[in-house]
N, C-alpha and C. Protein backbone atom coordinates (compact mmCIF):
# COMPACT_ATOMS: atom_id res chain seq x y z
N UNK A 1 15.34 40.87 4.65
CA UNK A 1 15.99 40.18 4.53
C UNK A 1 16.22 38.73 5.28
N UNK A 2 16.09 38.65 6.48
CA UNK A 2 16.05 37.85 7.61
C UNK A 2 14.69 36.82 7.21
N UNK A 3 13.51 37.53 6.86
CA UNK A 3 12.26 37.13 6.99
C UNK A 3 12.18 36.41 5.48
N UNK A 4 12.86 36.85 4.44
CA UNK A 4 13.23 36.05 3.24
C UNK A 4 13.73 34.80 3.09
N UNK A 5 14.96 35.04 3.91
CA UNK A 5 15.42 33.63 4.43
C UNK A 5 14.87 32.80 5.04
N UNK A 6 13.98 33.12 5.93
CA UNK A 6 13.06 31.83 6.59
C UNK A 6 12.44 31.70 5.93
N UNK A 7 11.64 32.17 4.88
CA UNK A 7 10.71 32.00 3.90
C UNK A 7 11.34 30.62 3.00
N UNK A 8 12.10 30.87 2.53
CA UNK A 8 12.74 30.29 1.64
C UNK A 8 13.42 28.73 2.20
N UNK A 9 14.15 29.12 3.43
CA UNK A 9 13.85 27.57 4.28
C UNK A 9 12.96 26.38 4.48
N UNK A 10 11.89 27.20 5.00
CA UNK A 10 10.80 26.91 5.22
C UNK A 10 10.20 25.93 3.82
N UNK A 11 10.18 26.75 2.93
CA UNK A 11 9.72 26.15 1.34
C UNK A 11 10.83 24.95 0.81
N UNK A 12 11.84 25.36 1.39
CA UNK A 12 12.85 23.99 0.96
C UNK A 12 12.63 22.40 2.03
N UNK A 13 12.29 22.74 3.08
CA UNK A 13 12.38 22.14 4.26
C UNK A 13 10.78 21.35 4.00
N UNK A 14 10.28 21.85 3.37
CA UNK A 14 8.30 21.40 2.84
C UNK A 14 8.89 20.54 1.72
N UNK A 15 9.95 20.91 0.58
CA UNK A 15 9.51 20.29 -0.28
C UNK A 15 10.39 18.93 -0.15
N UNK A 16 11.30 19.36 0.55
CA UNK A 16 12.25 17.60 0.89
C UNK A 16 11.61 17.18 1.90
N UNK A 17 10.55 17.21 2.45
CA UNK A 17 9.42 16.38 3.10
C UNK A 17 8.57 15.61 2.72
N UNK A 18 8.22 16.48 1.47
CA UNK A 18 7.46 15.92 0.41
C UNK A 18 7.70 14.89 -0.56
N UNK A 19 9.31 15.12 -0.74
CA UNK A 19 9.74 14.07 -1.77
C UNK A 19 9.98 12.55 -0.76
N UNK A 20 10.39 12.77 0.60
CA UNK A 20 10.94 11.60 1.49
C UNK A 20 9.46 11.00 1.83
N UNK A 21 8.20 11.60 1.96
CA UNK A 21 7.02 11.30 2.29
C UNK A 21 6.47 10.25 0.94
N UNK A 22 6.57 10.79 -0.33
CA UNK A 22 6.25 10.17 -1.54
C UNK A 22 7.25 8.80 -1.37
N UNK A 23 8.49 9.07 -1.34
CA UNK A 23 9.65 7.49 -1.43
C UNK A 23 8.93 6.75 -0.52
N UNK A 24 8.98 6.92 0.80
CA UNK A 24 8.81 6.07 1.86
C UNK A 24 7.32 5.41 1.77
N UNK A 25 6.46 6.33 1.15
CA UNK A 25 4.90 5.57 0.76
C UNK A 25 4.43 4.71 -0.25
N UNK A 26 5.97 4.85 -1.21
CA UNK A 26 5.78 3.88 -2.40
C UNK A 26 4.75 4.57 -3.45
N UNK A 27 4.46 5.70 -3.12
CA UNK A 27 3.47 6.38 -4.43
C UNK A 27 4.59 7.16 -5.34
N UNK A 28 4.47 6.29 -6.53
CA UNK A 28 5.77 6.64 -7.73
C UNK A 28 4.87 6.99 -9.31
N UNK A 29 3.45 7.31 -8.96
CA UNK A 29 3.01 7.92 -10.11
C UNK A 29 3.76 8.94 -11.23
N UNK A 30 4.22 9.92 -10.07
CA UNK A 30 4.94 11.40 -10.57
C UNK A 30 6.72 10.88 -11.17
N UNK A 31 6.66 9.97 -10.47
CA UNK A 31 8.20 9.29 -11.01
C UNK A 31 8.60 8.22 -12.25
N UNK A 32 7.37 7.77 -12.48
CA UNK A 32 7.57 6.73 -13.16
C UNK A 32 8.34 5.33 -12.73
N UNK A 33 8.66 5.47 -11.54
CA UNK A 33 9.08 3.96 -11.02
C UNK A 33 8.56 3.03 -10.39
N UNK A 34 8.61 1.83 -10.54
CA UNK A 34 7.78 0.90 -10.24
C UNK A 34 7.39 0.86 -8.86
N UNK A 35 6.41 0.55 -9.07
CA UNK A 35 5.63 0.68 -7.08
C UNK A 35 6.42 -0.33 -6.56
N UNK A 36 6.75 -0.28 -5.10
CA UNK A 36 7.01 -1.04 -4.22
C UNK A 36 6.22 -1.89 -3.10
N UNK A 37 6.28 -2.96 -3.01
CA UNK A 37 4.82 -3.58 -1.96
C UNK A 37 5.26 -2.77 -0.92
N UNK A 38 3.90 -2.86 -0.28
CA UNK A 38 3.52 -2.23 1.15
C UNK A 38 4.64 -3.33 2.39
N UNK A 39 5.16 -2.80 3.10
CA UNK A 39 5.82 -3.78 3.98
C UNK A 39 4.78 -4.42 4.95
N UNK A 40 3.82 -3.15 5.35
CA UNK A 40 2.53 -3.95 6.31
C UNK A 40 1.27 -3.32 5.74
N UNK A 41 0.22 -3.46 5.15
CA UNK A 41 -0.77 -3.43 4.79
C UNK A 41 -1.58 -2.58 5.96
N UNK A 42 -2.53 -1.67 5.94
CA UNK A 42 -2.79 -0.70 6.75
C UNK A 42 -4.47 -0.63 6.82
N UNK A 43 -4.96 -1.14 7.39
CA UNK A 43 -6.82 -1.32 7.21
C UNK A 43 -7.38 0.37 6.85
N UNK A 44 -8.14 0.43 5.74
CA UNK A 44 -8.45 1.48 5.20
C UNK A 44 -7.68 2.36 3.88
N UNK A 45 -5.97 1.58 4.13
CA UNK A 45 -5.37 2.23 3.40
C UNK A 45 -6.39 1.71 1.64
N UNK A 46 -6.05 1.56 0.63
CA UNK A 46 -6.52 1.95 -0.80
C UNK A 46 -5.05 1.26 -1.31
N UNK A 47 -4.15 0.29 -1.53
CA UNK A 47 -2.74 0.03 -2.29
C UNK A 47 -3.05 0.40 -3.81
N UNK A 48 -2.10 0.48 -4.04
CA UNK A 48 -1.68 0.25 -5.79
C UNK A 48 -2.71 -0.83 -6.45
N UNK A 49 -3.29 -0.41 -7.61
CA UNK A 49 -3.62 -1.71 -8.16
C UNK A 49 -2.15 -3.24 -8.50
N UNK A 50 -0.96 -2.47 -8.64
CA UNK A 50 0.12 -3.21 -8.91
C UNK A 50 0.63 -4.01 -7.55
N UNK A 51 0.24 -3.17 -6.35
CA UNK A 51 0.72 -3.91 -5.08
C UNK A 51 -0.48 -5.25 -4.50
N UNK A 52 -1.34 -5.20 -5.77
CA UNK A 52 -2.34 -5.66 -4.87
C UNK A 52 -2.75 -7.54 -5.84
N UNK A 53 -2.42 -8.56 -5.23
CA UNK A 53 -2.57 -9.75 -6.04
C UNK A 53 -3.83 -10.62 -5.67
N UNK A 54 -4.92 -10.41 -6.29
CA UNK A 54 -6.27 -11.58 -6.10
C UNK A 54 -5.89 -12.39 -6.14
N UNK A 55 -6.33 -13.03 -5.11
CA UNK A 55 -6.44 -15.00 -4.97
C UNK A 55 -7.40 -15.14 -5.63
N UNK A 56 -7.24 -16.51 -6.29
CA UNK A 56 -8.49 -17.39 -7.35
C UNK A 56 -8.72 -18.54 -6.74
N UNK A 57 -7.64 -19.40 -5.84
CA UNK A 57 -7.92 -20.73 -5.49
C UNK A 57 -7.87 -20.58 -4.00
N UNK A 58 -9.16 -20.10 -2.88
CA UNK A 58 -9.03 -19.55 -2.05
C UNK A 58 -8.67 -20.66 -1.28
N UNK A 59 -9.00 -22.05 -1.57
CA UNK A 59 -8.54 -23.16 -0.52
C UNK A 59 -6.95 -23.39 -0.86
N UNK A 60 -6.21 -22.88 -1.34
CA UNK A 60 -4.88 -23.19 -1.32
C UNK A 60 -4.70 -22.02 -0.20
N UNK A 61 -5.36 -21.14 0.33
CA UNK A 61 -4.87 -20.36 1.86
C UNK A 61 -5.83 -20.43 2.92
N UNK A 62 -6.44 -21.52 2.49
CA UNK A 62 -7.61 -21.89 3.84
C UNK A 62 -8.45 -21.13 4.16
N UNK A 63 -9.43 -20.46 3.16
CA UNK A 63 -10.42 -19.65 2.79
C UNK A 63 -11.54 -20.08 2.48
N UNK A 64 -12.50 -19.73 3.08
CA UNK A 64 -13.85 -20.15 2.40
C UNK A 64 -14.55 -19.44 1.09
N UNK A 65 -15.60 -18.95 0.91
CA UNK A 65 -15.81 -18.23 -0.02
C UNK A 65 -15.69 -16.59 -0.02
N UNK A 66 -15.68 -15.84 -0.69
CA UNK A 66 -15.56 -14.48 -0.85
C UNK A 66 -16.51 -14.18 0.33
N UNK A 67 -16.58 -13.11 1.04
CA UNK A 67 -17.75 -12.23 1.70
C UNK A 67 -18.42 -11.12 0.58
N UNK A 68 -19.59 -11.33 0.64
CA UNK A 68 -20.34 -10.28 -0.39
C UNK A 68 -19.62 -8.93 -0.64
N UNK A 69 -19.07 -8.18 -1.56
CA UNK A 69 -18.70 -7.10 -1.69
C UNK A 69 -17.16 -7.40 -1.42
N UNK A 70 -16.63 -8.28 -1.37
CA UNK A 70 -15.08 -7.94 -0.63
C UNK A 70 -14.65 -9.00 -1.78
N UNK A 71 -13.02 -9.01 -1.70
CA UNK A 71 -12.29 -10.34 -2.41
C UNK A 71 -11.13 -10.53 -1.74
N UNK A 72 -10.56 -11.76 -1.57
CA UNK A 72 -9.37 -11.89 -0.81
C UNK A 72 -8.19 -11.56 -1.89
N UNK A 73 -7.13 -11.11 -1.37
CA UNK A 73 -5.75 -10.46 -2.08
C UNK A 73 -4.69 -11.16 -0.95
N UNK A 74 -3.41 -10.28 -1.66
CA UNK A 74 -2.10 -10.17 -0.93
C UNK A 74 -1.68 -9.27 -1.34
N UNK A 75 -1.36 -8.46 -0.27
CA UNK A 75 -1.40 -7.42 -0.46
C UNK A 75 0.20 -7.46 0.79
N UNK A 76 1.84 -6.76 0.07
CA UNK A 76 2.38 -6.98 0.69
C UNK A 76 3.14 -7.95 2.08
N UNK A 77 3.35 -9.05 1.03
CA UNK A 77 3.17 -10.47 1.92
C UNK A 77 2.55 -10.82 3.28
N UNK A 78 1.22 -10.20 2.84
CA UNK A 78 0.03 -10.09 3.85
C UNK A 78 -1.24 -10.45 3.08
N UNK A 79 -1.97 -11.77 3.70
CA UNK A 79 -3.34 -11.65 3.23
C UNK A 79 -4.28 -11.01 3.99
N UNK A 80 -5.09 -10.18 3.08
CA UNK A 80 -6.04 -9.18 3.36
C UNK A 80 -7.48 -9.48 2.58
N UNK A 81 -8.35 -8.87 3.20
CA UNK A 81 -9.82 -8.65 2.39
C UNK A 81 -10.03 -7.44 2.20
N UNK A 82 -10.20 -7.13 0.77
CA UNK A 82 -10.34 -5.63 0.50
C UNK A 82 -11.70 -5.26 -0.26
N UNK A 83 -12.06 -4.40 -0.47
CA UNK A 83 -13.30 -3.97 -1.09
C UNK A 83 -13.23 -4.17 -2.49
N UNK A 84 -14.37 -5.26 -3.26
CA UNK A 84 -14.92 -5.70 -4.12
C UNK A 84 -14.88 -3.97 -5.48
N UNK A 85 -15.31 -2.88 -5.13
CA UNK A 85 -15.00 -2.08 -5.83
C UNK A 85 -13.86 -0.83 -5.64
N UNK A 86 -13.91 -0.42 -4.44
CA UNK A 86 -12.98 0.35 -4.54
C UNK A 86 -11.17 -0.20 -4.09
N UNK A 87 -11.11 -1.28 -3.54
CA UNK A 87 -9.67 -1.85 -3.51
C UNK A 87 -9.44 -1.61 -1.88
N UNK A 88 -10.34 -0.97 -1.25
CA UNK A 88 -9.82 -0.49 0.15
C UNK A 88 -9.83 -1.81 1.27
N UNK A 89 -8.49 -1.73 1.72
CA UNK A 89 -8.38 -2.93 3.01
C UNK A 89 -9.33 -3.05 3.83
N UNK A 90 -9.83 -3.62 3.81
CA UNK A 90 -11.50 -3.95 5.38
C UNK A 90 -10.56 -4.88 6.30
N UNK A 91 -9.68 -5.80 6.05
CA UNK A 91 -9.14 -6.59 7.25
C UNK A 91 -7.80 -6.97 6.68
N UNK A 92 -7.14 -7.34 7.54
CA UNK A 92 -5.53 -7.90 7.63
C UNK A 92 -5.70 -9.04 7.99
N UNK A 93 -6.09 -10.33 7.13
CA UNK A 93 -6.26 -11.86 8.10
C UNK A 93 -4.56 -12.33 8.64
N UNK A 94 -3.62 -12.25 7.77
CA UNK A 94 -2.50 -12.88 8.33
C UNK A 94 -1.22 -12.83 7.65
N UNK A 95 -0.11 -12.57 8.59
CA UNK A 95 1.41 -12.25 7.11
C UNK A 95 1.19 -14.04 6.34
N UNK A 96 1.77 -13.99 5.29
CA UNK A 96 1.96 -15.24 4.50
C UNK A 96 3.59 -15.37 4.98
N UNK A 97 3.73 -17.08 5.31
CA UNK A 97 4.80 -17.73 5.47
C UNK A 97 6.05 -17.23 4.66
N UNK A 98 7.33 -17.39 5.07
CA UNK A 98 8.09 -17.02 3.95
C UNK A 98 8.59 -18.37 3.53
N UNK A 99 8.48 -18.71 2.00
CA UNK A 99 8.66 -19.84 1.30
C UNK A 99 10.09 -20.13 0.85
N UNK A 100 10.72 -21.60 1.40
CA UNK A 100 11.84 -21.70 1.37
C UNK A 100 12.19 -22.58 0.29
N UNK A 101 13.40 -22.74 -0.55
CA UNK A 101 13.25 -23.56 -1.40
C UNK A 101 13.79 -24.90 -1.26
C-alpha cells in the first residue's frame, strides 16, 4: 500500500514538473497559447518562428551583409545570428536598447 502511494506521488511530481518546465520554456504548442518571447536567447537553441523577427534592413542595426548560410534576427530583445535553414541560434551579437517615447 505504501509503495503504491510513493509511486503515485512520484508520478504527480513528474507531471507538475513537466507542466512547470513547459510554461517557463515558452513551449505552448500543446496549450494553444501565443508564445512568449525568450528572455535571453541561448546559442544552440532553436526559437519558435513566432519568436524570431528577421532583419531586412541590416544598416539600421549597423550590420554588414549576412554571412553565408545565416541570417540576422531579433530574438527576445537581442540581436542574434541564426542558421538560415534550421533557425538555430549561432551567435548572440548584443542586446537591443530599450526605445523610449
